[in-house]
N, C-alpha and C. Protein backbone atom coordinates (compact mmCIF):
# COMPACT_ATOMS: atom_id res chain seq x y z
N UNK A 1 0.75 -1.09 -0.15
CA UNK A 1 -0.04 0.39 -0.42
C UNK A 1 0.91 1.40 -0.05
N UNK A 2 0.69 2.13 -0.78
CA UNK A 2 1.39 3.35 -0.90
C UNK A 2 0.32 4.61 -1.05
N UNK A 3 0.47 5.82 0.15
CA UNK A 3 -0.12 6.75 0.08
C UNK A 3 0.21 7.39 -1.05
N UNK A 4 -0.77 8.08 -1.80
CA UNK A 4 -0.51 9.06 -3.06
C UNK A 4 -0.81 10.53 -2.64
N UNK A 5 -1.82 10.46 -1.71
CA UNK A 5 -1.93 12.38 -1.67
C UNK A 5 -2.55 12.47 -0.12
N UNK A 6 -2.47 13.22 0.27
CA UNK A 6 -3.26 13.17 1.57
C UNK A 6 -3.96 15.37 1.82
N UNK A 7 -5.20 14.89 3.03
CA UNK A 7 -5.42 16.34 3.39
C UNK A 7 -6.19 16.48 4.47
N UNK A 8 -5.97 17.74 4.80
CA UNK A 8 -7.02 17.88 6.12
C UNK A 8 -7.56 19.34 5.74
N UNK A 9 -9.23 19.00 6.37
CA UNK A 9 -9.80 20.39 5.94
C UNK A 9 -10.63 20.43 7.21
N UNK A 10 -11.13 22.05 7.67
CA UNK A 10 -11.49 22.45 8.49
C UNK A 10 -12.99 23.01 8.10
N UNK A 11 -14.10 22.59 8.75
CA UNK A 11 -15.02 22.87 8.78
C UNK A 11 -15.52 23.64 9.73
N UNK A 12 -16.21 25.16 9.30
CA UNK A 12 -16.61 26.08 10.01
C UNK A 12 -18.39 25.00 10.50
N UNK A 13 -18.27 25.01 11.80
CA UNK A 13 -19.67 24.52 12.28
C UNK A 13 -20.73 25.51 12.92
N UNK A 14 -20.13 26.06 13.50
CA UNK A 14 -20.73 27.72 14.24
C UNK A 14 -19.42 28.28 14.98
N UNK A 15 -20.19 29.34 15.75
CA UNK A 15 -18.89 30.41 16.60
C UNK A 15 -17.92 29.72 17.19
N UNK A 16 -18.00 28.44 17.28
CA UNK A 16 -17.07 28.02 18.50
C UNK A 16 -16.43 26.92 18.13
N UNK A 17 -17.02 26.02 17.24
CA UNK A 17 -16.69 24.53 16.65
C UNK A 17 -16.20 24.47 15.35
N UNK A 18 -15.29 23.93 15.46
CA UNK A 18 -14.74 23.39 13.80
C UNK A 18 -14.91 21.82 13.57
N UNK A 19 -15.33 21.33 12.77
CA UNK A 19 -14.72 20.19 12.02
C UNK A 19 -13.68 19.91 11.45
N UNK A 20 -12.59 18.79 11.86
CA UNK A 20 -11.62 18.24 11.40
C UNK A 20 -11.86 17.11 10.38
N UNK A 21 -11.25 17.11 9.16
CA UNK A 21 -11.62 16.21 7.94
C UNK A 21 -10.64 15.91 7.61
N UNK A 22 -10.29 14.54 7.43
CA UNK A 22 -8.95 13.96 7.15
C UNK A 22 -9.43 12.65 5.96
N UNK A 23 -8.63 13.12 4.89
CA UNK A 23 -8.69 12.09 3.91
C UNK A 23 -6.63 11.56 2.91
N UNK A 24 -7.43 10.44 2.83
CA UNK A 24 -6.05 9.84 2.20
C UNK A 24 -6.32 8.87 0.89
N UNK A 25 -5.47 9.44 0.07
CA UNK A 25 -5.58 8.16 -1.66
C UNK A 25 -4.72 7.71 -1.31
N UNK A 26 -4.83 6.74 -2.17
CA UNK A 26 -3.94 5.44 -1.58
C UNK A 26 -3.86 4.19 -2.61
N UNK A 27 -2.72 3.90 -3.28
CA UNK A 27 -2.67 2.42 -4.10
C UNK A 27 -2.66 1.40 -3.23
N UNK A 28 -3.35 0.36 -3.49
CA UNK A 28 -3.09 -1.13 -3.14
C UNK A 28 -2.36 -1.77 -4.31
N UNK A 29 -1.22 -2.55 -3.57
CA UNK A 29 -0.36 -3.58 -4.42
C UNK A 29 -0.61 -5.03 -4.16
N UNK A 30 -1.50 -5.36 -3.21
CA UNK A 30 -1.87 -6.67 -2.69
C UNK A 30 -3.02 -7.14 -4.08
N UNK A 31 -2.71 -8.50 -4.02
CA UNK A 31 -3.92 -8.96 -5.22
C UNK A 31 -4.71 -10.11 -4.31
N UNK A 32 -5.86 -10.87 -5.01
CA UNK A 32 -6.41 -9.48 -5.70
C UNK A 32 -7.00 -8.10 -5.14
N UNK A 33 -7.15 -7.36 -5.82
CA UNK A 33 -7.58 -5.97 -4.83
C UNK A 33 -8.96 -6.15 -4.43
N UNK A 34 -9.99 -6.47 -4.98
CA UNK A 34 -11.10 -6.57 -4.26
C UNK A 34 -10.95 -7.24 -2.76
N UNK A 35 -10.24 -8.73 -2.52
CA UNK A 35 -10.00 -8.78 -1.16
C UNK A 35 -9.61 -8.18 -0.40
N UNK A 36 -8.63 -7.45 -0.61
CA UNK A 36 -7.73 -6.19 0.48
C UNK A 36 -8.63 -5.15 0.94
N UNK A 37 -9.40 -4.92 -0.46
CA UNK A 37 -9.80 -3.44 -0.26
C UNK A 37 -10.33 -3.21 1.05
N UNK A 38 -10.95 -3.89 1.70
CA UNK A 38 -12.11 -3.71 2.99
C UNK A 38 -10.67 -3.60 3.63
N UNK A 39 -9.79 -4.31 4.07
CA UNK A 39 -8.96 -4.65 5.05
C UNK A 39 -8.32 -3.28 5.04
N UNK A 40 -7.85 -3.05 3.99
CA UNK A 40 -6.94 -1.53 3.83
C UNK A 40 -7.68 -0.61 4.10
N UNK A 41 -8.82 -0.32 4.06
CA UNK A 41 -9.67 0.68 4.01
C UNK A 41 -9.72 0.83 5.51
N UNK A 42 -9.80 -0.12 6.46
CA UNK A 42 -9.49 -0.32 7.75
C UNK A 42 -8.54 0.30 8.28
N UNK A 43 -7.34 -0.16 8.08
CA UNK A 43 -6.18 0.29 8.17
C UNK A 43 -6.01 1.90 7.78
N UNK A 44 -6.34 2.39 6.95
CA UNK A 44 -6.44 3.63 6.76
C UNK A 44 -7.47 4.54 7.60
N UNK A 45 -8.41 4.09 7.86
CA UNK A 45 -9.28 4.60 8.80
C UNK A 45 -8.61 4.84 10.39
N UNK A 46 -8.04 3.96 10.76
CA UNK A 46 -7.75 4.05 11.76
C UNK A 46 -6.30 4.78 11.94
N UNK A 47 -5.77 4.68 11.04
CA UNK A 47 -4.44 5.84 11.60
C UNK A 47 -5.06 7.20 11.01
N UNK A 48 -6.12 7.53 10.28
CA UNK A 48 -7.02 8.60 10.40
C UNK A 48 -7.25 9.30 11.95
N UNK A 49 -7.94 8.00 12.69
CA UNK A 49 -8.40 8.65 13.78
C UNK A 49 -7.68 8.32 15.21
N UNK A 50 -6.55 8.03 14.82
CA UNK A 50 -5.30 8.31 15.66
C UNK A 50 -4.84 9.68 15.40
N UNK A 51 -4.39 9.86 14.08
CA UNK A 51 -4.05 11.36 14.09
C UNK A 51 -4.90 12.50 14.41
N UNK A 52 -5.97 12.26 13.98
CA UNK A 52 -7.29 13.78 14.51
C UNK A 52 -7.35 13.27 15.74
N UNK A 53 -7.29 12.38 16.88
CA UNK A 53 -7.53 12.36 18.04
C UNK A 53 -6.29 13.37 18.42
N UNK A 54 -5.32 12.81 17.86
CA UNK A 54 -4.09 13.48 18.59
C UNK A 54 -3.91 15.03 18.19
N UNK A 55 -4.69 15.63 17.11
CA UNK A 55 -4.96 16.71 16.56
C UNK A 55 -5.80 17.63 17.68
N UNK A 56 -6.36 16.65 17.81
CA UNK A 56 -7.82 17.28 19.21
C UNK A 56 -7.04 17.60 20.18
N UNK A 57 -6.29 16.61 20.97
CA UNK A 57 -5.80 16.68 21.91
C UNK A 57 -4.89 17.89 22.12
N UNK A 58 -3.98 18.00 21.01
CA UNK A 58 -3.26 19.25 20.80
C UNK A 58 -4.13 20.37 21.18
N UNK A 59 -5.09 20.67 20.02
CA UNK A 59 -5.69 21.78 19.88
C UNK A 59 -6.33 22.09 21.12
N UNK A 60 -6.64 20.98 21.84
CA UNK A 60 -7.73 21.42 23.25
C UNK A 60 -6.69 21.86 24.50
N UNK A 61 -5.67 21.14 24.52
CA UNK A 61 -4.43 21.85 25.40
C UNK A 61 -3.89 23.05 24.62
N UNK A 62 -3.64 23.57 23.84
CA UNK A 62 -3.43 24.90 23.62
C UNK A 62 -4.47 25.88 24.09
N UNK A 63 -6.16 25.20 23.54
CA UNK A 63 -6.80 26.30 24.28
C UNK A 63 -7.25 26.69 26.01
N UNK A 64 -6.31 25.26 26.52
CA UNK A 64 -6.28 25.28 28.11
C UNK A 64 -5.16 25.84 28.90
N UNK A 65 -4.11 26.50 27.78
CA UNK A 65 -2.81 27.22 28.03
C UNK A 65 -3.27 28.67 28.12
N UNK A 66 -4.43 29.18 27.60
CA UNK A 66 -4.98 30.56 27.27
C UNK A 66 -5.75 30.70 28.15
């Protein structure tokens, strides 16, 4: 599996809340691809959750400092 592109997107929800979305485009090199696709998607999803949780913790820690 190789990541080809990734992005974060901030979406304003209201005056005090923001949604952070993450996306990754990747190429699978496992065969048959139809068999491995669900597992690959699950792995990428877990990585997204871990990264977004870390970003959330860092952002909330900054708010508490001020």
